[in-house]
């Protein structure tokens, strides 16, 4: 039985490590369509964080990352892409909300939830870390205060 669990865990890890960003479009806050994979900087780590304006843990996570982002970006070259899953009712609130937060990273919209579904995101916050080759190497689907330190540590391992 232990061997079966080990084999299943190994297969899951291999499948996870082989996964990368799908070739899908998202929308900038200005309304332009852009491929999500084009926002990943080749050779540098990328954080993709799914969030919504109505999700307090999401906002707490993105604010916590904002406190560290400038230094972490200088140190590692990391890019952070915050993907809003707000629907047609709440998506007009995203740009003014982001302007009020002062986040220094890319914020895009996933208005039809295509990217969310393609990446298997069922709830937010859901954060992915991609290595320089664009492969997902870490993910979390929750946030509690202090957890940003785990993400920061994982980013530093990739530099």
Protein backbone atom coordinates (compact mmCIF):
# COMPACT_ATOMS: atom_id res chain seq x y z
CA UNK A 1 0.00 0.00 0.00
CA UNK A 2 2.83 2.38 0.88
CA UNK A 3 4.37 1.73 -2.55
CA UNK A 4 1.07 2.62 -4.21
CA UNK A 5 0.91 5.94 -2.35
CA UNK A 6 4.53 6.69 -3.21
CA UNK A 7 3.89 5.95 -6.88
CA UNK A 8 0.77 8.11 -6.91
CA UNK A 9 2.59 10.98 -5.20
CA UNK A 10 5.49 10.73 -7.65
CA UNK A 11 3.11 10.75 -10.61
CA UNK A 12 1.32 13.78 -9.19
CA UNK A 13 4.60 15.64 -8.72
CA UNK A 14 5.71 14.84 -12.26
CA UNK A 15 2.37 15.96 -13.69
CA UNK A 16 2.49 19.15 -11.65
CA UNK A 17 6.04 19.97 -12.68
CA UNK A 18 5.23 19.48 -16.35
CA UNK A 19 2.26 21.85 -16.23
CA UNK A 20 2.78 25.37 -17.53
CA UNK A 21 0.66 28.38 -18.40
CA UNK A 22 -1.89 27.61 -21.10
CA UNK A 23 -1.87 29.66 -24.29
CA UNK A 24 -4.92 31.74 -23.44
CA UNK A 25 -5.81 35.40 -23.55
CA UNK A 26 -6.58 37.57 -20.55
CA UNK A 27 -7.62 41.19 -20.50
CA UNK A 28 -5.56 44.12 -19.25
CA UNK A 29 -7.22 46.72 -17.05
CA UNK A 30 -7.25 48.96 -20.12
CA UNK A 31 -9.31 46.36 -22.02
CA UNK A 32 -6.63 44.96 -24.35
CA UNK A 33 -6.33 41.20 -24.86
CA UNK A 34 -2.94 39.67 -24.12
CA UNK A 35 -1.68 36.10 -23.93
CA UNK A 36 -1.05 35.07 -20.32
CA UNK A 37 2.08 33.19 -21.40
CA UNK A 38 3.51 36.39 -22.92
CA UNK A 39 3.55 37.95 -19.43
CA UNK A 40 6.03 35.31 -18.21
CA UNK A 41 9.61 36.55 -18.58
CA UNK A 42 11.76 33.74 -19.98
CA UNK A 43 14.43 32.62 -17.54
CA UNK A 44 12.82 34.34 -14.54
CA UNK A 45 10.35 33.09 -11.94
CA UNK A 46 6.72 34.17 -12.24
CA UNK A 47 3.99 34.24 -9.62
CA UNK A 48 0.42 33.94 -10.90
CA UNK A 49 -2.12 34.77 -8.22
CA UNK A 50 -5.84 34.29 -8.82
CA UNK A 51 -7.93 36.69 -6.74
CA UNK A 52 -11.18 38.69 -6.59
CA UNK A 53 -12.18 42.06 -5.17
CA UNK A 54 -14.65 40.36 -2.80
CA UNK A 55 -12.03 37.93 -1.41
CA UNK A 56 -10.43 39.26 1.79
CA UNK A 57 -7.70 36.56 2.00
CA UNK A 58 -6.78 37.34 -1.63
CA UNK A 59 -6.39 41.02 -0.90
CA UNK A 60 -4.40 40.28 2.26
CA UNK A 61 -2.06 38.02 0.27
CA UNK A 62 -1.54 40.57 -2.53
CA UNK A 63 -0.96 43.37 -0.02
CA UNK A 64 1.56 41.21 1.87
CA UNK A 65 3.37 40.45 -1.39
CA UNK A 66 3.34 44.16 -2.29
CA UNK A 67 5.41 44.85 0.83
CA UNK A 68 8.14 42.48 -0.39
CA UNK A 69 7.75 42.67 -4.16
CA UNK A 70 10.20 45.44 -5.06
CA UNK A 71 13.07 43.85 -3.12
CA UNK A 72 12.19 40.35 -4.30
CA UNK A 73 12.00 41.52 -7.90
CA UNK A 74 15.41 43.22 -7.64
CA UNK A 75 16.90 40.09 -6.08
CA UNK A 76 15.33 37.41 -8.32
CA UNK A 77 13.76 39.10 -11.35
CA UNK A 78 10.37 37.65 -10.40
CA UNK A 79 7.21 38.80 -12.15
CA UNK A 80 3.88 38.79 -10.35
CA UNK A 81 0.63 38.56 -12.32
CA UNK A 82 -2.57 39.03 -10.32
CA UNK A 83 -5.47 37.46 -12.26
CA UNK A 84 -8.86 38.78 -11.22
CA UNK A 85 -11.72 36.32 -11.53
CA UNK A 86 -14.34 39.01 -10.91
CA UNK A 87 -17.42 38.46 -13.07
CA UNK A 88 -19.24 40.98 -15.29
CA UNK A 89 -20.99 42.51 -12.26
CA UNK A 90 -17.84 43.20 -10.26
CA UNK A 91 -15.09 43.47 -12.92
CA UNK A 92 -15.71 47.24 -13.48
CA UNK A 93 -14.58 47.70 -9.85
CA UNK A 94 -11.20 46.03 -10.39
CA UNK A 95 -9.25 48.93 -11.96
CA UNK A 96 -10.30 51.53 -9.35
CA UNK A 97 -9.68 48.99 -6.59
CA UNK A 98 -6.17 48.20 -7.86
CA UNK A 99 -5.38 51.93 -8.25
CA UNK A 100 -6.28 52.40 -4.60
CA UNK A 101 -4.02 49.54 -3.51
CA UNK A 102 -0.89 50.83 -5.26
CA UNK A 103 0.26 47.36 -6.34
CA UNK A 104 3.41 47.46 -8.51
CA UNK A 105 2.67 44.32 -10.45
CA UNK A 106 0.61 43.32 -13.47
CA UNK A 107 -3.12 42.90 -12.87
CA UNK A 108 -5.26 41.25 -15.54
CA UNK A 109 -8.85 40.08 -15.84
CA UNK A 110 -10.14 36.61 -16.63
CA UNK A 111 -13.70 37.74 -17.45
CA UNK A 112 -15.02 34.40 -18.73
CA UNK A 113 -13.00 32.31 -16.24
CA UNK A 114 -11.33 30.47 -19.12
CA UNK A 115 -7.85 30.66 -17.57
CA UNK A 116 -9.23 29.82 -14.13
CA UNK A 117 -10.81 26.62 -15.48
CA UNK A 118 -7.78 25.70 -17.58
CA UNK A 119 -5.53 25.90 -14.52
CA UNK A 120 -7.92 24.02 -12.25
CA UNK A 121 -8.61 26.93 -9.91
CA UNK A 122 -11.73 26.16 -7.89
CA UNK A 123 -11.41 28.75 -5.16
CA UNK A 124 -9.38 31.88 -4.47
CA UNK A 125 -6.82 32.77 -3.49
CA UNK A 126 -4.91 30.29 -5.60
CA UNK A 127 -1.28 31.09 -6.29
CA UNK A 128 1.13 29.39 -8.67
CA UNK A 129 4.91 29.77 -8.92
CA UNK A 130 6.53 29.13 -12.29
CA UNK A 131 10.23 28.57 -12.84
CA UNK A 132 12.25 30.30 -15.57
CA UNK A 133 11.10 27.69 -18.11
CA UNK A 134 7.46 28.51 -17.35
CA UNK A 135 6.73 25.26 -15.50
CA UNK A 136 4.60 25.26 -12.35
CA UNK A 137 6.84 24.28 -9.46
CA UNK A 138 4.72 25.29 -6.45
CA UNK A 139 1.14 26.26 -5.67
CA UNK A 140 -1.15 27.09 -2.76
CA UNK A 141 -4.91 27.49 -2.68
CA UNK A 142 -5.30 29.39 0.55
CA UNK A 143 -3.70 32.28 2.40
CA UNK A 144 -3.02 32.86 6.05
CA UNK A 145 -0.88 35.74 7.33
CA UNK A 146 2.80 34.89 7.11
CA UNK A 147 2.35 32.42 4.26
CA UNK A 148 3.91 34.93 1.86
CA UNK A 149 7.23 34.02 3.52
CA UNK A 150 6.86 30.47 2.17
CA UNK A 151 6.26 31.83 -1.34
CA UNK A 152 9.20 34.21 -1.06
CA UNK A 153 11.43 31.33 0.04
CA UNK A 154 10.28 29.25 -2.95
CA UNK A 155 11.00 32.17 -5.33
CA UNK A 156 14.50 32.56 -3.90
CA UNK A 157 15.21 28.88 -4.56
CA UNK A 158 14.71 29.57 -8.28
CA UNK A 159 17.23 32.41 -8.69
